[in-house]
Amino acid sequence: MTNHTTTPQNIAVLGATGSIGDSTLAIIRQHAERYRVYALSGFGRVDKLFELACEFRPVKVCTSAENHAILQDKLAKQGFNIEVLSGDDGLVQIASDAQVDTVVAAIVGAAGLSSTLAAARAGKRILLANKESLVMAGRLVMNAARQHGAVILPIDSEHNAIYQCLPQAVQADNTAIHHAKHGIKQLWLTASGGGFLYKSIDEMAVATVADAVKHPNWSMGQKISIDSATMMNKGLELIEACHLFNLNEQDIQVVIHPNSVVHSLVEYTDGSFLAQLGSPDMRTPIAHALAYPERIDAGVATLDLYQLADLKFIKPDLDKFVALKLARAAAKQGTGACITLNAANEVAVAAFLNEQIRLTDIAKVVELCLHDTRITSQFGQDFSDENQGLDHIMALDQLVREVAELKIAQLEQSA
């Protein structure tokens, strides 16, 4: 193996204290000669962010406004000369910093949108795990990337798998996916089915938070674990895939694959299916994107093919996993519906985690918001993030959150 002797890439890890952050930093530790942590962010877990700052000695860190003084004081006492930023402005400053080569966009939810967009406008190499950025403002982000020469490499395992299975010409330019010579028929997103695949709707209705956050294959944060349980995660990934790969929703299928070994597939017109396989470990897609177009050791356990005697593929039950049906409908309807889907889901998941509503009520809240005239009057078929700025998108997001809170209060009263 040859040594990598070029100057290390400066990496900004936004959402460093979450599970994607953990996996990213594990690879950076393993390949310290290739990568340097230039900036870190974390809003909720300030103690963990402090520990990471002590270990990696970044130039900048960003946290919430409430934690700014606390973190600044803790770092000063250690004698570290690290600039402490705060809030959304701090994230945008890091994402667009001239010294940053690669931005790992791993903030959960709508909170990651403005910094992802800033990174695209600054022409950065973006390792994208924040699917909500594309759900809410897919055309805006993708157009900014194209205009400013940014490169978006997906690190969600499913989108990364599809990316790996596409021809190089399509990887370089997603509009090439429509060229007949490449022969791409459709994409297949795999889903684990979560912890309720073999449970009934009635069992989902009485599930506790502890039940719902357990995932059979993946180690993830609470929000994404709940989204996996309802299959909203796959719905959001479907919308994300439309933007990443320049396709309409009908060209992307979802198949449940409980083994989580086949991470997604590309179907070609000649009858071929190309799939990417691997152990269910986020370090694989992150390592692929960090080193692309090269390959590096990710420290991941090798897949034992002799143990793969029974690979299952199951059609999703849309009567049980209503969230997936709602997401596909939102993708058809357009940007306004996708913003509504995402915002209502974020509020409803938080309410479930707070034990205010049932697991099955999450999709109910989302559906009620998708049909609420206070929201739908704000967008029609012509609402598009191509001609709406970030302010307009965030205003709609805020309205949906307020309406979702009202729907949750009504559900609580009727319970």
Protein backbone atom coordinates (compact mmCIF):
# COMPACT_ATOMS: atom_id res chain seq x y z
CA MET A 1 0.00 0.00 0.00
CA THR A 2 1.38 3.41 -0.97
CA ASN A 3 1.56 6.24 1.52
CA HIS A 4 -0.69 9.23 0.98
CA THR A 5 1.75 12.15 0.94
CA THR A 6 -0.39 15.08 -0.25
CA THR A 7 -1.55 17.85 2.09
CA PRO A 8 -4.34 16.63 4.39
CA GLN A 9 -7.86 17.70 3.49
CA ASN A 10 -9.48 20.15 5.91
CA ILE A 11 -12.75 18.60 7.08
CA ALA A 12 -15.68 20.36 8.78
CA VAL A 13 -17.95 17.89 10.57
CA LEU A 14 -21.35 19.49 11.15
CA GLY A 15 -23.27 17.33 13.59
CA ALA A 16 -20.08 15.89 15.05
CA THR A 17 -21.68 14.61 18.27
CA GLY A 18 -24.18 12.33 16.50
CA SER A 19 -23.80 8.82 15.13
CA ILE A 20 -22.64 9.98 11.67
CA GLY A 21 -20.12 12.23 13.40
CA ASP A 22 -18.86 9.27 15.40
CA SER A 23 -18.33 7.19 12.26
CA THR A 24 -16.70 10.04 10.35
CA LEU A 25 -14.27 10.85 13.14
CA ALA A 26 -13.40 7.17 13.51
CA ILE A 27 -12.22 7.13 9.88
CA ILE A 28 -10.35 10.41 10.31
CA ARG A 29 -8.52 8.93 13.32
CA GLN A 30 -7.59 5.93 11.21
CA HIS A 31 -6.32 8.12 8.36
CA ALA A 32 -4.84 11.12 10.17
CA GLU A 33 -2.28 11.60 7.41
CA ARG A 34 -5.09 12.26 4.88
CA TYR A 35 -7.59 14.30 6.87
CA ARG A 36 -7.47 17.16 9.35
CA VAL A 37 -10.45 18.23 11.45
CA TYR A 38 -10.73 21.95 10.76
CA ALA A 39 -14.13 22.55 12.38
CA LEU A 40 -16.73 20.73 14.48
CA SER A 41 -20.31 21.49 15.46
CA GLY A 42 -22.69 20.10 18.02
CA PHE A 43 -25.64 21.88 19.62
CA GLY A 44 -27.07 19.54 22.23
CA ARG A 45 -24.17 17.58 23.71
CA VAL A 46 -21.73 20.31 24.69
CA ASP A 47 -19.62 18.01 26.90
CA LYS A 48 -19.04 15.63 24.01
CA LEU A 49 -18.22 18.53 21.68
CA PHE A 50 -15.70 19.78 24.25
CA GLU A 51 -14.05 16.34 24.40
CA LEU A 52 -13.83 16.17 20.61
CA ALA A 53 -12.38 19.67 20.47
CA CYS A 54 -9.74 18.65 23.02
CA GLU A 55 -8.86 15.58 20.94
CA PHE A 56 -8.83 17.06 17.43
CA ARG A 57 -7.87 20.70 18.19
CA PRO A 58 -9.96 22.22 15.38
CA VAL A 59 -9.60 25.85 14.34
CA LYS A 60 -13.32 26.46 14.90
CA VAL A 61 -16.22 24.90 16.78
CA CYS A 62 -19.90 25.84 16.69
CA THR A 63 -22.58 25.20 19.28
CA SER A 64 -25.94 26.62 20.33
CA ALA A 65 -26.23 30.18 21.63
CA GLU A 66 -27.08 28.77 25.08
CA ASN A 67 -23.91 26.68 25.17
CA HIS A 68 -21.56 29.24 23.61
CA ALA A 69 -20.21 30.80 26.81
CA ILE A 70 -19.99 27.40 28.55
CA LEU A 71 -17.91 25.87 25.76
CA GLN A 72 -15.76 28.97 25.35
CA ASP A 73 -14.96 28.94 29.06
CA LYS A 74 -14.15 25.22 29.13
CA LEU A 75 -11.79 25.52 26.16
CA ALA A 76 -10.11 28.65 27.55
CA LYS A 77 -9.39 26.83 30.82
CA GLN A 78 -7.56 24.17 28.81
CA GLY A 79 -5.52 26.88 27.12
CA PHE A 80 -6.87 26.08 23.65
CA ASN A 81 -7.02 28.86 21.07
CA ILE A 82 -10.15 27.60 19.32
CA GLU A 83 -12.70 30.04 17.88
CA VAL A 84 -16.17 29.32 19.29
CA LEU A 85 -19.10 30.22 17.04
CA SER A 86 -22.80 29.78 17.71
CA GLY A 87 -26.13 29.28 16.04
CA ASP A 88 -27.07 29.04 12.40
CA ASP A 89 -24.74 31.92 11.48
CA GLY A 90 -21.83 29.99 12.94
CA LEU A 91 -22.71 26.88 10.93
CA VAL A 92 -22.96 28.91 7.72
CA GLN A 93 -19.59 30.56 8.47
CA ILE A 94 -17.92 27.16 8.88
CA ALA A 95 -19.62 25.64 5.82
CA SER A 96 -18.39 28.48 3.61
CA ASP A 97 -14.94 28.94 5.21
CA ALA A 98 -12.27 29.30 2.53
CA GLN A 99 -9.97 26.88 4.41
CA VAL A 100 -12.54 24.04 4.41
CA ASP A 101 -12.21 21.44 1.65
CA THR A 102 -14.96 19.03 2.69
CA VAL A 103 -18.15 19.60 4.67
CA VAL A 104 -19.74 16.58 6.33
CA ALA A 105 -23.40 17.62 6.54
CA ALA A 106 -24.68 15.40 9.35
CA ILE A 107 -27.02 17.72 11.27
CA VAL A 108 -30.39 16.06 11.82
CA GLY A 109 -33.49 17.75 10.43
CA ALA A 110 -34.31 21.14 8.93
CA ALA A 111 -31.60 22.71 11.09
CA GLY A 112 -29.03 21.48 8.57
CA LEU A 113 -30.48 23.21 5.52
CA SER A 114 -28.86 26.65 5.62
CA SER A 115 -25.33 25.33 6.21
CA THR A 116 -25.70 22.71 3.45
CA LEU A 117 -26.87 25.41 1.06
CA ALA A 118 -23.98 27.65 2.14
CA ALA A 119 -21.51 24.83 1.45
CA ALA A 120 -23.03 24.33 -2.01
CA ARG A 121 -22.78 28.05 -2.78
CA ALA A 122 -19.16 28.03 -1.59
CA GLY A 123 -18.32 25.21 -4.03
CA LYS A 124 -17.40 22.70 -1.32
CA ARG A 125 -17.15 18.94 -1.49
CA ILE A 126 -20.23 17.97 0.53
CA LEU A 127 -20.66 14.59 2.20
CA LEU A 128 -24.42 14.64 2.60
CA ALA A 129 -26.20 12.83 5.42
CA ASN A 130 -28.72 15.62 6.05
CA LYS A 131 -31.49 14.31 3.79
CA GLU A 132 -33.88 17.03 4.98
CA SER A 133 -31.86 19.64 3.03
CA LEU A 134 -32.89 18.03 -0.23
CA VAL A 135 -36.41 17.17 0.96
CA MET A 136 -37.05 20.86 1.72
CA ALA A 137 -34.97 22.57 -0.95
CA GLY A 138 -33.67 19.95 -3.35
CA ARG A 139 -33.63 22.03 -6.51
CA LEU A 140 -32.23 25.04 -4.68
CA VAL A 141 -29.32 23.02 -3.25
CA MET A 142 -28.62 20.99 -6.39
CA ASN A 143 -28.73 24.09 -8.62
CA ALA A 144 -26.39 25.94 -6.24
CA ALA A 145 -23.98 23.00 -6.35
CA ARG A 146 -24.05 22.94 -10.15
CA GLN A 147 -23.61 26.73 -10.42
CA HIS A 148 -20.72 26.94 -7.97
CA GLY A 149 -18.92 23.68 -8.74
CA ALA A 150 -19.73 21.94 -5.46
CA VAL A 151 -19.60 18.14 -5.41
CA ILE A 152 -22.33 16.33 -3.46
CA LEU A 153 -21.44 12.80 -2.36
CA PRO A 154 -24.25 11.01 -0.49
CA ILE A 155 -23.30 9.14 2.67
CA ASP A 156 -26.68 7.71 3.59
CA SER A 157 -25.95 4.03 2.99
CA GLU A 158 -28.74 3.64 0.41
CA HIS A 159 -27.91 6.67 -1.71
CA ASN A 160 -24.22 5.94 -1.50
CA ALA A 161 -24.91 2.40 -2.71
CA ILE A 162 -26.85 3.72 -5.71
CA TYR A 163 -24.09 6.22 -6.44
CA GLN A 164 -21.51 3.42 -6.45
CA CYS A 165 -23.64 1.37 -8.89
CA LEU A 166 -24.11 4.18 -11.42
CA PRO A 167 -21.85 4.75 -14.45
CA GLN A 168 -19.06 7.27 -13.86
CA ALA A 169 -20.64 9.70 -16.34
CA VAL A 170 -23.83 9.77 -14.24
CA GLN A 171 -21.85 10.19 -11.03
CA ALA A 172 -20.25 13.28 -12.58
CA ASP A 173 -23.51 14.72 -13.97
CA ASN A 174 -26.88 13.46 -12.72
CA THR A 175 -28.69 14.70 -15.86
CA ALA A 176 -26.81 11.97 -17.76
CA ILE A 177 -29.02 9.39 -16.01
CA HIS A 178 -31.58 10.03 -18.78
CA HIS A 179 -29.19 9.22 -21.64
CA ALA A 180 -30.39 6.01 -23.28
CA LYS A 181 -26.83 4.75 -23.73
CA HIS A 182 -26.48 4.31 -19.97
CA GLY A 183 -29.56 2.06 -19.91
CA ILE A 184 -30.81 2.95 -16.44
CA LYS A 185 -34.37 1.70 -15.96
CA GLN A 186 -35.05 2.48 -12.29
CA LEU A 187 -33.51 2.68 -8.83
CA TRP A 188 -34.29 0.43 -5.87
CA LEU A 189 -33.95 1.81 -2.34
CA THR A 190 -33.69 -0.91 0.26
CA ALA A 191 -35.26 -0.53 3.70
CA SER A 192 -34.65 -2.64 6.78
CA GLY A 193 -38.31 -2.49 7.76
CA GLY A 194 -37.26 -1.37 11.24
CA GLY A 195 -38.32 -2.97 14.47
CA PHE A 196 -41.99 -3.33 13.50
CA LEU A 197 -41.67 -5.20 10.22
CA TYR A 198 -43.19 -8.36 11.67
CA LYS A 199 -45.50 -6.58 14.14
CA SER A 200 -49.11 -5.54 13.57
CA ILE A 201 -50.54 -2.02 13.37
CA ASP A 202 -52.13 -2.65 16.79
CA GLU A 203 -48.71 -3.49 18.24
CA MET A 204 -47.27 -0.32 16.70
CA ALA A 205 -50.10 1.69 18.28
CA VAL A 206 -49.10 0.62 21.81
CA ALA A 207 -45.32 0.73 21.28
CA THR A 208 -43.27 2.58 23.88
CA VAL A 209 -40.42 4.93 23.06
CA ALA A 210 -37.99 2.23 24.21
CA ASP A 211 -39.60 -0.24 21.79
CA ALA A 212 -39.48 2.17 18.87
CA VAL A 213 -35.87 3.32 19.19
CA LYS A 214 -34.56 -0.25 19.03
CA HIS A 215 -33.27 -1.02 15.56
CA PRO A 216 -32.46 -4.62 14.57
CA ASN A 217 -29.39 -3.77 12.44
CA TRP A 218 -28.20 -0.18 12.70
CA SER A 219 -26.94 1.97 15.57
CA MET A 220 -28.59 5.37 15.04
CA GLY A 221 -29.88 8.42 16.89
CA GLN A 222 -33.41 8.61 18.33
CA LYS A 223 -34.99 10.67 15.53
CA ILE A 224 -33.78 8.46 12.68
CA SER A 225 -34.62 5.31 14.68
CA ILE A 226 -38.23 6.46 15.04
CA ASP A 227 -38.34 7.40 11.34
CA SER A 228 -37.10 3.90 10.56
CA ALA A 229 -39.83 2.38 12.71
CA THR A 230 -42.54 4.28 10.79
CA MET A 231 -40.66 4.02 7.45
CA MET A 232 -40.81 7.81 7.14
CA ASN A 233 -37.04 7.62 6.85
CA LYS A 234 -37.41 5.73 3.60
CA GLY A 235 -39.99 8.25 2.42
CA LEU A 236 -37.57 11.11 3.05
CA GLU A 237 -34.82 9.12 1.31
CA LEU A 238 -37.12 8.61 -1.69
CA ILE A 239 -37.56 12.39 -2.04
CA GLU A 240 -33.83 12.92 -1.52
CA ALA A 241 -33.05 10.35 -4.22
CA CYS A 242 -35.28 12.21 -6.71
CA HIS A 243 -33.01 15.26 -6.37
CA LEU A 244 -29.68 13.46 -6.08
CA PHE A 245 -30.29 11.35 -9.16
CA ASN A 246 -32.54 13.64 -11.22
CA LEU A 247 -35.51 11.26 -11.36
CA ASN A 248 -39.24 11.40 -10.69
CA GLU A 249 -40.62 9.39 -7.79
CA GLN A 250 -42.15 6.72 -10.07
CA ASP A 251 -38.64 5.80 -11.22
CA ILE A 252 -37.57 4.89 -7.68
CA GLN A 253 -38.88 1.77 -5.96
CA VAL A 254 -38.66 0.82 -2.28
CA VAL A 255 -38.08 -2.77 -1.20
CA ILE A 256 -37.77 -4.05 2.35
CA HIS A 257 -34.59 -6.04 2.90
CA PRO A 258 -34.42 -7.03 6.58
CA ASN A 259 -30.84 -8.35 6.34
CA SER A 260 -29.43 -4.85 5.63
CA VAL A 261 -26.70 -6.40 3.48
CA VAL A 262 -27.79 -5.17 0.04
CA HIS A 263 -27.80 -1.41 0.55
CA SER A 264 -29.60 -0.49 -2.71
CA LEU A 265 -29.68 -1.41 -6.38
CA VAL A 266 -29.73 0.09 -9.87
CA GLU A 267 -31.85 -1.74 -12.46
CA TYR A 268 -30.70 -1.53 -16.07
CA THR A 269 -32.70 -1.98 -19.28
CA ASP A 270 -30.75 -5.12 -20.24
CA GLY A 271 -32.10 -6.94 -17.17
CA SER A 272 -29.04 -6.37 -14.99
CA PHE A 273 -29.33 -5.30 -11.36
CA LEU A 274 -26.17 -3.80 -9.88
CA ALA A 275 -26.12 -3.81 -6.09
CA GLN A 276 -23.71 -2.67 -3.39
CA LEU A 277 -23.31 -5.10 -0.48
CA GLY A 278 -21.61 -4.68 2.85
CA SER A 279 -21.92 -5.03 6.60
CA PRO A 280 -24.43 -2.57 8.11
CA ASP A 281 -21.79 -0.05 9.18
CA MET A 282 -21.90 3.66 8.28
CA ARG A 283 -18.13 3.82 8.07
CA THR A 284 -18.30 2.12 4.64
CA PRO A 285 -20.27 4.83 2.78
CA ILE A 286 -18.45 7.61 4.67
CA ALA A 287 -15.03 6.18 3.77
CA HIS A 288 -16.13 5.83 0.15
CA ALA A 289 -17.18 9.48 -0.03
CA LEU A 290 -14.20 10.84 1.95
CA ALA A 291 -11.67 9.18 -0.34
CA TYR A 292 -13.64 9.24 -3.63
CA PRO A 293 -12.56 8.34 -6.27
CA GLU A 294 -9.98 6.35 -4.30
CA ARG A 295 -10.73 3.58 -1.76
CA ILE A 296 -9.45 3.42 1.81
CA ASP A 297 -9.73 0.99 4.69
CA ALA A 298 -12.85 1.83 6.72
CA GLY A 299 -12.07 -0.50 9.62
CA VAL A 300 -15.30 -2.38 8.91
CA ALA A 301 -15.80 -6.11 9.48
CA THR A 302 -15.66 -8.01 6.19
CA LEU A 303 -18.97 -9.37 4.99
CA ASP A 304 -19.00 -13.17 5.31
CA LEU A 305 -20.65 -14.36 2.11
CA TYR A 306 -20.91 -17.92 3.46
CA GLN A 307 -23.29 -16.64 6.15
CA LEU A 308 -25.67 -15.07 3.60
CA ALA A 309 -27.87 -18.09 3.08
CA ASP A 310 -31.17 -16.22 3.29
CA LEU A 311 -31.49 -12.76 1.75
CA LYS A 312 -35.10 -11.55 1.93
CA PHE A 313 -36.85 -8.89 -0.14
CA ILE A 314 -40.38 -7.85 0.84
CA LYS A 315 -42.91 -5.44 -0.67
CA PRO A 316 -43.76 -2.66 1.84
CA ASP A 317 -47.23 -2.78 3.45
CA LEU A 318 -48.48 0.75 2.81
CA ASP A 319 -51.52 0.23 5.06
CA LYS A 320 -49.15 -0.27 7.98
CA PHE A 321 -46.37 2.07 6.90
CA VAL A 322 -48.59 5.03 6.01
CA ALA A 323 -45.65 7.44 6.22
CA LEU A 324 -44.07 5.92 3.11
CA LYS A 325 -47.31 6.40 1.16
CA LEU A 326 -47.54 10.03 2.34
CA ALA A 327 -43.95 10.70 1.29
CA ARG A 328 -44.50 9.36 -2.21
CA ALA A 329 -47.63 11.51 -2.54
CA ALA A 330 -45.69 14.57 -1.33
CA ALA A 331 -42.94 13.89 -3.86
CA LYS A 332 -45.57 13.89 -6.63
CA GLN A 333 -47.21 17.08 -5.35
CA GLY A 334 -44.07 19.17 -5.06
CA THR A 335 -41.81 21.19 -2.83
CA GLY A 336 -44.46 22.69 -0.55
CA ALA A 337 -45.83 19.26 0.29
CA CYS A 338 -42.32 17.92 0.93
CA ILE A 339 -41.55 20.80 3.32
CA THR A 340 -44.85 20.08 5.10
CA LEU A 341 -44.14 16.35 5.32
CA ASN A 342 -40.72 16.91 6.86
CA ALA A 343 -41.67 19.65 9.34
CA ALA A 344 -44.82 17.90 10.57
CA ASN A 345 -42.87 14.67 10.98
CA GLU A 346 -40.11 16.35 13.01
CA VAL A 347 -42.67 17.87 15.40
CA ALA A 348 -44.66 14.63 15.66
CA VAL A 349 -41.55 12.51 16.33
CA ALA A 350 -40.54 14.91 19.12
CA ALA A 351 -44.05 14.61 20.58
CA PHE A 352 -43.84 10.80 20.49
CA LEU A 353 -40.43 10.85 22.16
CA ASN A 354 -42.01 13.11 24.78
CA GLU A 355 -44.79 10.49 25.21
CA GLN A 356 -47.51 12.91 24.10
CA ILE A 357 -48.78 10.80 21.20
CA ARG A 358 -48.63 7.22 19.96
CA LEU A 359 -46.19 5.95 17.33
CA THR A 360 -49.04 5.53 14.85
CA ASP A 361 -50.14 9.12 15.49
CA ILE A 362 -46.97 10.43 13.81
CA ALA A 363 -48.26 9.67 10.32
CA LYS A 364 -51.69 10.94 11.39
CA VAL A 365 -50.25 14.34 12.33
CA VAL A 366 -48.35 14.51 9.03
CA GLU A 367 -51.45 13.65 7.00
CA LEU A 368 -53.57 16.23 8.84
CA CYS A 369 -50.97 18.90 8.08
CA LEU A 370 -50.76 17.90 4.42
CA HIS A 371 -54.52 18.60 4.14
CA ASP A 372 -54.73 21.68 6.37
CA THR A 373 -55.81 24.72 4.36
CA ARG A 374 -53.71 27.08 6.49
CA ILE A 375 -50.72 25.28 5.05
CA THR A 376 -51.89 24.31 1.57
CA SER A 377 -53.03 27.87 0.87
CA GLN A 378 -49.34 28.86 1.09
CA PHE A 379 -48.35 26.65 -1.81
CA GLY A 380 -49.95 25.39 -4.96
CA GLN A 381 -48.79 23.29 -7.83
CA ASP A 382 -46.52 26.19 -8.80
CA PHE A 383 -44.68 26.34 -5.46
CA SER A 384 -41.11 25.43 -6.25
CA ASP A 385 -37.87 26.01 -4.39
CA GLU A 386 -36.41 27.05 -7.75
CA ASN A 387 -38.17 30.39 -7.45
CA GLN A 388 -38.57 30.58 -3.67
CA GLY A 389 -35.74 31.77 -1.46
CA LEU A 390 -34.55 30.18 1.76
CA ASP A 391 -36.60 32.68 3.80
CA HIS A 392 -39.82 31.58 2.14
CA ILE A 393 -38.99 27.90 2.61
CA MET A 394 -38.21 28.42 6.31
CA ALA A 395 -41.39 30.50 6.78
CA LEU A 396 -43.47 27.61 5.46
CA ASP A 397 -41.51 25.20 7.65
CA GLN A 398 -42.32 27.34 10.71
CA LEU A 399 -46.02 27.56 9.84
CA VAL A 400 -46.24 23.77 9.50
CA ARG A 401 -44.59 23.32 12.90
CA GLU A 402 -47.15 25.60 14.53
CA VAL A 403 -50.06 23.76 12.89
CA ALA A 404 -48.54 20.39 13.81
CA GLU A 405 -48.38 21.44 17.48
CA LEU A 406 -52.10 22.27 17.34
CA LYS A 407 -52.89 18.88 15.77
CA ILE A 408 -50.91 17.13 18.51
CA ALA A 409 -52.77 19.06 21.22
CA GLN A 410 -56.08 17.99 19.64
CA LEU A 411 -54.97 14.35 19.57
CA GLU A 412 -53.96 14.56 23.23
CA GLN A 413 -57.36 15.99 24.19
CA SER A 414 -59.23 13.26 22.31
CA ALA A 415 -57.09 10.43 23.70
